[in-house]
Amino acid sequence: MKVDVTNKQLLISCSSAWQKYFADLEDHKKKHEEEATSKKCKFIETDIESQKKKEKVFEKDVVPIINDRC
C-alpha cells in the first residue's frame, strides 16, 4: 500500500508506459481507419465494375432491339 511516489525511476517508468500505451492506441486507430477506407474503395470499385457489366449487357441485348424497332 505504501509506494514511494518521489522515486524518479518509478515516475519515468510510468510516464514511459503511458506514452507507449497511447502510441499503440494511435497506431491501432490509424490502422482501423485505413482498413475502413480500403473497404470503402473496394466497395466502390466493385460497384463500378458491376455497372460496367450491366452497361455491356444493355448495349449487347437491348440496343439492337431498340434499333430494330426504330
PDB file of N, CA and C in Angstrom:
ATOM      1  N   MET A   1       0.804  -1.195   0.000  1.00  0.00           N
ATOM      2  CA  MET A   1       0.000   0.000   0.000  1.00  0.00           C
ATOM      3  C   MET A   1       0.850   1.264   0.000  1.00  0.00           C
ATOM      4  N   LYS A   2       2.033   1.176   0.563  1.00  0.00           N
ATOM      5  CA  LYS A   2       2.877   2.362   0.622  1.00  0.00           C
ATOM      6  C   LYS A   2       3.880   2.321  -0.529  1.00  0.00           C
ATOM      7  N   VAL A   3       3.709   3.262  -1.445  1.00  0.00           N
ATOM      8  CA  VAL A   3       4.593   3.353  -2.605  1.00  0.00           C
ATOM      9  C   VAL A   3       5.260   4.722  -2.572  1.00  0.00           C
ATOM     10  N   ASP A   4       6.548   4.705  -2.755  1.00  0.00           N
ATOM     11  CA  ASP A   4       7.307   5.960  -2.769  1.00  0.00           C
ATOM     12  C   ASP A   4       7.090   6.648  -4.118  1.00  0.00           C
ATOM     13  N   VAL A   5       6.245   7.686  -4.154  1.00  0.00           N
ATOM     14  CA  VAL A   5       5.930   8.384  -5.398  1.00  0.00           C
ATOM     15  C   VAL A   5       6.967   9.442  -5.752  1.00  0.00           C
ATOM     16  N   THR A   6       7.945   9.616  -4.913  1.00  0.00           N
ATOM     17  CA  THR A   6       9.002  10.579  -5.218  1.00  0.00           C
ATOM     18  C   THR A   6      10.167   9.901  -5.941  1.00  0.00           C
ATOM     19  N   ASN A   7      10.072   8.599  -6.137  1.00  0.00           N
ATOM     20  CA  ASN A   7      11.115   7.838  -6.823  1.00  0.00           C
ATOM     21  C   ASN A   7      11.121   8.231  -8.311  1.00  0.00           C
ATOM     22  N   LYS A   8      12.200   8.820  -8.781  1.00  0.00           N
ATOM     23  CA  LYS A   8      12.302   9.305 -10.162  1.00  0.00           C
ATOM     24  C   LYS A   8      12.195   8.170 -11.176  1.00  0.00           C
ATOM     25  N   GLN A   9      12.835   7.049 -10.891  1.00  0.00           N
ATOM     26  CA  GLN A   9      12.791   5.921 -11.821  1.00  0.00           C
ATOM     27  C   GLN A   9      11.358   5.409 -11.979  1.00  0.00           C
ATOM     28  N   LEU A  10      10.610   5.358 -10.900  1.00  0.00           N
ATOM     29  CA  LEU A  10       9.218   4.916 -10.952  1.00  0.00           C
ATOM     30  C   LEU A  10       8.379   5.886 -11.780  1.00  0.00           C
ATOM     31  N   LEU A  11       8.566   7.180 -11.568  1.00  0.00           N
ATOM     32  CA  LEU A  11       7.821   8.184 -12.330  1.00  0.00           C
ATOM     33  C   LEU A  11       8.155   8.125 -13.818  1.00  0.00           C
ATOM     34  N   ILE A  12       9.426   7.968 -14.143  1.00  0.00           N
ATOM     35  CA  ILE A  12       9.855   7.872 -15.536  1.00  0.00           C
ATOM     36  C   ILE A  12       9.286   6.610 -16.175  1.00  0.00           C
ATOM     37  N   SER A  13       9.311   5.515 -15.454  1.00  0.00           N
ATOM     38  CA  SER A  13       8.781   4.254 -15.965  1.00  0.00           C
ATOM     39  C   SER A  13       7.286   4.356 -16.253  1.00  0.00           C
ATOM     40  N   CYS A  14       6.551   4.946 -15.326  1.00  0.00           N
ATOM     41  CA  CYS A  14       5.101   5.108 -15.518  1.00  0.00           C
ATOM     42  C   CYS A  14       4.807   6.029 -16.693  1.00  0.00           C
ATOM     43  N   SER A  15       5.551   7.112 -16.784  1.00  0.00           N
ATOM     44  CA  SER A  15       5.361   8.048 -17.886  1.00  0.00           C
ATOM     45  C   SER A  15       5.650   7.372 -19.224  1.00  0.00           C
ATOM     46  N   SER A  16       6.699   6.610 -19.274  1.00  0.00           N
ATOM     47  CA  SER A  16       7.068   5.895 -20.488  1.00  0.00           C
ATOM     48  C   SER A  16       5.996   4.875 -20.870  1.00  0.00           C
ATOM     49  N   ALA A  17       5.469   4.191 -19.878  1.00  0.00           N
ATOM     50  CA  ALA A  17       4.423   3.196 -20.141  1.00  0.00           C
ATOM     51  C   ALA A  17       3.187   3.863 -20.731  1.00  0.00           C
ATOM     52  N   TRP A  18       2.797   5.015 -20.177  1.00  0.00           N
ATOM     53  CA  TRP A  18       1.638   5.734 -20.704  1.00  0.00           C
ATOM     54  C   TRP A  18       1.886   6.194 -22.137  1.00  0.00           C
ATOM     55  N   GLN A  19       3.063   6.681 -22.425  1.00  0.00           N
ATOM     56  CA  GLN A  19       3.380   7.140 -23.771  1.00  0.00           C
ATOM     57  C   GLN A  19       3.315   5.979 -24.767  1.00  0.00           C
ATOM     58  N   LYS A  20       3.852   4.839 -24.366  1.00  0.00           N
ATOM     59  CA  LYS A  20       3.804   3.660 -25.236  1.00  0.00           C
ATOM     60  C   LYS A  20       2.358   3.200 -25.446  1.00  0.00           C
ATOM     61  N   TYR A  21       1.570   3.240 -24.396  1.00  0.00           N
ATOM     62  CA  TYR A  21       0.166   2.837 -24.474  1.00  0.00           C
ATOM     63  C   TYR A  21      -0.601   3.738 -25.436  1.00  0.00           C
ATOM     64  N   PHE A  22      -0.442   5.052 -25.304  1.00  0.00           N
ATOM     65  CA  PHE A  22      -1.154   5.977 -26.182  1.00  0.00           C
ATOM     66  C   PHE A  22      -0.645   5.883 -27.620  1.00  0.00           C
ATOM     67  N   ALA A  23       0.632   5.632 -27.807  1.00  0.00           N
ATOM     68  CA  ALA A  23       1.174   5.448 -29.157  1.00  0.00           C
ATOM     69  C   ALA A  23       0.567   4.203 -29.794  1.00  0.00           C
ATOM     70  N   ASP A  24       0.429   3.148 -29.008  1.00  0.00           N
ATOM     71  CA  ASP A  24      -0.183   1.923 -29.520  1.00  0.00           C
ATOM     72  C   ASP A  24      -1.658   2.157 -29.869  1.00  0.00           C
ATOM     73  N   LEU A  25      -2.368   2.894 -29.033  1.00  0.00           N
ATOM     74  CA  LEU A  25      -3.762   3.227 -29.332  1.00  0.00           C
ATOM     75  C   LEU A  25      -3.869   4.032 -30.623  1.00  0.00           C
ATOM     76  N   GLU A  26      -2.987   4.970 -30.808  1.00  0.00           N
ATOM     77  CA  GLU A  26      -2.997   5.801 -32.021  1.00  0.00           C
ATOM     78  C   GLU A  26      -2.713   4.956 -33.258  1.00  0.00           C
ATOM     79  N   ASP A  27      -1.757   4.037 -33.161  1.00  0.00           N
ATOM     80  CA  ASP A  27      -1.457   3.137 -34.272  1.00  0.00           C
ATOM     81  C   ASP A  27      -2.668   2.266 -34.604  1.00  0.00           C
ATOM     82  N   HIS A  28      -3.309   1.758 -33.571  1.00  0.00           N
ATOM     83  CA  HIS A  28      -4.499   0.924 -33.778  1.00  0.00           C
ATOM     84  C   HIS A  28      -5.607   1.722 -34.456  1.00  0.00           C
ATOM     85  N   LYS A  29      -5.790   2.958 -34.046  1.00  0.00           N
ATOM     86  CA  LYS A  29      -6.820   3.823 -34.628  1.00  0.00           C
ATOM     87  C   LYS A  29      -6.524   4.085 -36.108  1.00  0.00           C
ATOM     88  N   LYS A  30      -5.265   4.405 -36.429  1.00  0.00           N
ATOM     89  CA  LYS A  30      -4.882   4.658 -37.818  1.00  0.00           C
ATOM     90  C   LYS A  30      -5.084   3.415 -38.677  1.00  0.00           C
ATOM     91  N   LYS A  31      -4.720   2.276 -38.139  1.00  0.00           N
ATOM     92  CA  LYS A  31      -4.875   1.020 -38.868  1.00  0.00           C
ATOM     93  C   LYS A  31      -6.354   0.755 -39.163  1.00  0.00           C
ATOM     94  N   HIS A  32      -7.193   0.988 -38.174  1.00  0.00           N
ATOM     95  CA  HIS A  32      -8.630   0.789 -38.339  1.00  0.00           C
ATOM     96  C   HIS A  32      -9.194   1.741 -39.403  1.00  0.00           C
ATOM     97  N   GLU A  33      -8.757   2.996 -39.385  1.00  0.00           N
ATOM     98  CA  GLU A  33      -9.219   3.971 -40.376  1.00  0.00           C
ATOM     99  C   GLU A  33      -8.767   3.584 -41.781  1.00  0.00           C
ATOM    100  N   GLU A  34      -7.528   3.106 -41.911  1.00  0.00           N
ATOM    101  CA  GLU A  34      -7.017   2.684 -43.210  1.00  0.00           C
ATOM    102  C   GLU A  34      -7.800   1.486 -43.738  1.00  0.00           C
ATOM    103  N   GLU A  35      -8.132   0.545 -42.866  1.00  0.00           N
ATOM    104  CA  GLU A  35      -8.915  -0.610 -43.282  1.00  0.00           C
ATOM    105  C   GLU A  35     -10.310  -0.188 -43.729  1.00  0.00           C
ATOM    106  N   ALA A  36     -10.913   0.739 -43.022  1.00  0.00           N
ATOM    107  CA  ALA A  36     -12.244   1.228 -43.384  1.00  0.00           C
ATOM    108  C   ALA A  36     -12.200   1.927 -44.740  1.00  0.00           C
ATOM    109  N   THR A  37     -11.179   2.733 -44.959  1.00  0.00           N
ATOM    110  CA  THR A  37     -11.029   3.419 -46.241  1.00  0.00           C
ATOM    111  C   THR A  37     -10.812   2.413 -47.361  1.00  0.00           C
ATOM    112  N   SER A  38     -10.001   1.414 -47.097  1.00  0.00           N
ATOM    113  CA  SER A  38      -9.730   0.382 -48.091  1.00  0.00           C
ATOM    114  C   SER A  38     -11.003  -0.371 -48.455  1.00  0.00           C
ATOM    115  N   LYS A  39     -11.800  -0.715 -47.454  1.00  0.00           N
ATOM    116  CA  LYS A  39     -13.057  -1.420 -47.711  1.00  0.00           C
ATOM    117  C   LYS A  39     -14.005  -0.558 -48.532  1.00  0.00           C
ATOM    118  N   LYS A  40     -14.049   0.731 -48.208  1.00  0.00           N
ATOM    119  CA  LYS A  40     -14.928   1.651 -48.922  1.00  0.00           C
ATOM    120  C   LYS A  40     -14.504   1.748 -50.389  1.00  0.00           C
ATOM    121  N   CYS A  41     -13.203   1.873 -50.636  1.00  0.00           N
ATOM    122  CA  CYS A  41     -12.696   1.959 -52.009  1.00  0.00           C
ATOM    123  C   CYS A  41     -12.987   0.680 -52.774  1.00  0.00           C
ATOM    124  N   LYS A  42     -12.801  -0.448 -52.115  1.00  0.00           N
ATOM    125  CA  LYS A  42     -13.050  -1.729 -52.768  1.00  0.00           C
ATOM    126  C   LYS A  42     -14.530  -1.864 -53.119  1.00  0.00           C
ATOM    127  N   PHE A  43     -15.414  -1.425 -52.235  1.00  0.00           N
ATOM    128  CA  PHE A  43     -16.843  -1.469 -52.498  1.00  0.00           C
ATOM    129  C   PHE A  43     -17.189  -0.602 -53.702  1.00  0.00           C
ATOM    130  N   ILE A  44     -16.609   0.584 -53.772  1.00  0.00           N
ATOM    131  CA  ILE A  44     -16.876   1.490 -54.887  1.00  0.00           C
ATOM    132  C   ILE A  44     -16.367   0.886 -56.198  1.00  0.00           C
ATOM    133  N   GLU A  45     -15.170   0.311 -56.171  1.00  0.00           N
ATOM    134  CA  GLU A  45     -14.622  -0.317 -57.374  1.00  0.00           C
ATOM    135  C   GLU A  45     -15.500  -1.472 -57.835  1.00  0.00           C
ATOM    136  N   THR A  46     -15.989  -2.269 -56.905  1.00  0.00           N
ATOM    137  CA  THR A  46     -16.868  -3.386 -57.239  1.00  0.00           C
ATOM    138  C   THR A  46     -18.162  -2.872 -57.844  1.00  0.00           C
ATOM    139  N   ASP A  47     -18.696  -1.811 -57.295  1.00  0.00           N
ATOM    140  CA  ASP A  47     -19.924  -1.228 -57.807  1.00  0.00           C
ATOM    141  C   ASP A  47     -19.720  -0.688 -59.222  1.00  0.00           C
ATOM    142  N   ILE A  48     -18.598  -0.047 -59.472  1.00  0.00           N
ATOM    143  CA  ILE A  48     -18.301   0.464 -60.812  1.00  0.00           C
ATOM    144  C   ILE A  48     -18.201  -0.676 -61.809  1.00  0.00           C
ATOM    145  N   GLU A  49     -17.512  -1.748 -61.423  1.00  0.00           N
ATOM    146  CA  GLU A  49     -17.392  -2.907 -62.306  1.00  0.00           C
ATOM    147  C   GLU A  49     -18.765  -3.512 -62.599  1.00  0.00           C
ATOM    148  N   SER A  50     -19.596  -3.588 -61.600  1.00  0.00           N
ATOM    149  CA  SER A  50     -20.944  -4.117 -61.779  1.00  0.00           C
ATOM    150  C   SER A  50     -21.742  -3.248 -62.754  1.00  0.00           C
ATOM    151  N   GLN A  51     -21.631  -1.940 -62.615  1.00  0.00           N
ATOM    152  CA  GLN A  51     -22.349  -1.031 -63.518  1.00  0.00           C
ATOM    153  C   GLN A  51     -21.830  -1.155 -64.950  1.00  0.00           C
ATOM    154  N   LYS A  52     -20.539  -1.352 -65.109  1.00  0.00           N
ATOM    155  CA  LYS A  52     -19.971  -1.526 -66.447  1.00  0.00           C
ATOM    156  C   LYS A  52     -20.492  -2.815 -67.082  1.00  0.00           C
ATOM    157  N   LYS A  53     -20.596  -3.882 -66.310  1.00  0.00           N
ATOM    158  CA  LYS A  53     -21.132  -5.144 -66.825  1.00  0.00           C
ATOM    159  C   LYS A  53     -22.587  -4.974 -67.247  1.00  0.00           C
ATOM    160  N   LYS A  54     -23.351  -4.261 -66.437  1.00  0.00           N
ATOM    161  CA  LYS A  54     -24.752  -4.016 -66.786  1.00  0.00           C
ATOM    162  C   LYS A  54     -24.856  -3.201 -68.072  1.00  0.00           C
ATOM    163  N   GLU A  55     -23.963  -2.236 -68.219  1.00  0.00           N
ATOM    164  CA  GLU A  55     -23.969  -1.406 -69.426  1.00  0.00           C
ATOM    165  C   GLU A  55     -23.647  -2.244 -70.661  1.00  0.00           C
ATOM    166  N   LYS A  56     -22.674  -3.149 -70.532  1.00  0.00           N
ATOM    167  CA  LYS A  56     -22.324  -4.014 -71.655  1.00  0.00           C
ATOM    168  C   LYS A  56     -23.492  -4.914 -72.030  1.00  0.00           C
ATOM    169  N   VAL A  57     -24.164  -5.472 -71.036  1.00  0.00           N
ATOM    170  CA  VAL A  57     -25.322  -6.328 -71.303  1.00  0.00           C
ATOM    171  C   VAL A  57     -26.415  -5.515 -71.988  1.00  0.00           C
ATOM    172  N   PHE A  58     -26.633  -4.297 -71.524  1.00  0.00           N
ATOM    173  CA  PHE A  58     -27.636  -3.424 -72.118  1.00  0.00           C
ATOM    174  C   PHE A  58     -27.300  -3.144 -73.581  1.00  0.00           C
ATOM    175  N   GLU A  59     -26.032  -2.792 -73.847  1.00  0.00           N
ATOM    176  CA  GLU A  59     -25.617  -2.498 -75.213  1.00  0.00           C
ATOM    177  C   GLU A  59     -25.726  -3.724 -76.106  1.00  0.00           C
ATOM    178  N   LYS A  60     -25.433  -4.874 -75.565  1.00  0.00           N
ATOM    179  CA  LYS A  60     -25.453  -6.113 -76.339  1.00  0.00           C
ATOM    180  C   LYS A  60     -26.872  -6.587 -76.618  1.00  0.00           C
ATOM    181  N   ASP A  61     -27.732  -6.533 -75.633  1.00  0.00           N
ATOM    182  CA  ASP A  61     -29.057  -7.120 -75.765  1.00  0.00           C
ATOM    183  C   ASP A  61     -30.162  -6.121 -76.090  1.00  0.00           C
ATOM    184  N   VAL A  62     -30.160  -4.976 -75.478  1.00  0.00           N
ATOM    185  CA  VAL A  62     -31.289  -4.061 -75.588  1.00  0.00           C
ATOM    186  C   VAL A  62     -31.147  -3.098 -76.764  1.00  0.00           C
ATOM    187  N   VAL A  63     -29.983  -2.569 -76.979  1.00  0.00           N
ATOM    188  CA  VAL A  63     -29.778  -1.581 -78.040  1.00  0.00           C
ATOM    189  C   VAL A  63     -30.146  -2.159 -79.427  1.00  0.00           C
ATOM    190  N   PRO A  64     -29.748  -3.381 -79.775  1.00  0.00           N
ATOM    191  CA  PRO A  64     -30.161  -3.913 -81.084  1.00  0.00           C
ATOM    192  C   PRO A  64     -31.696  -4.024 -81.209  1.00  0.00           C
ATOM    193  N   ILE A  65     -32.360  -4.363 -80.140  1.00  0.00           N
ATOM    194  CA  ILE A  65     -33.819  -4.474 -80.185  1.00  0.00           C
ATOM    195  C   ILE A  65     -34.430  -3.105 -80.434  1.00  0.00           C
ATOM    196  N   ILE A  66     -33.934  -2.105 -79.752  1.00  0.00           N
ATOM    197  CA  ILE A  66     -34.442  -0.742 -79.919  1.00  0.00           C
ATOM    198  C   ILE A  66     -34.162  -0.248 -81.350  1.00  0.00           C
ATOM    199  N   ASN A  67     -32.999  -0.534 -81.877  1.00  0.00           N
ATOM    200  CA  ASN A  67     -32.639  -0.097 -83.232  1.00  0.00           C
ATOM    201  C   ASN A  67     -33.495  -0.800 -84.282  1.00  0.00           C
ATOM    202  N   ASP A  68     -33.845  -2.038 -84.049  1.00  0.00           N
ATOM    203  CA  ASP A  68     -34.701  -2.773 -84.985  1.00  0.00           C
ATOM    204  C   ASP A  68     -36.114  -2.188 -85.034  1.00  0.00           C
ATOM    205  N   ARG A  69     -36.611  -1.708 -83.955  1.00  0.00           N
ATOM    206  CA  ARG A  69     -37.951  -1.151 -83.891  1.00  0.00           C
ATOM    207  C   ARG A  69     -38.032   0.245 -84.502  1.00  0.00           C
ATOM    208  N   CYS A  70     -36.945   0.951 -84.497  1.00  0.00           N
ATOM    209  CA  CYS A  70     -36.977   2.344 -84.993  1.00  0.00           C
ATOM    210  C   CYS A  70     -36.708   2.432 -86.434  1.00  0.00           C
TER     211      CYS A  70
END
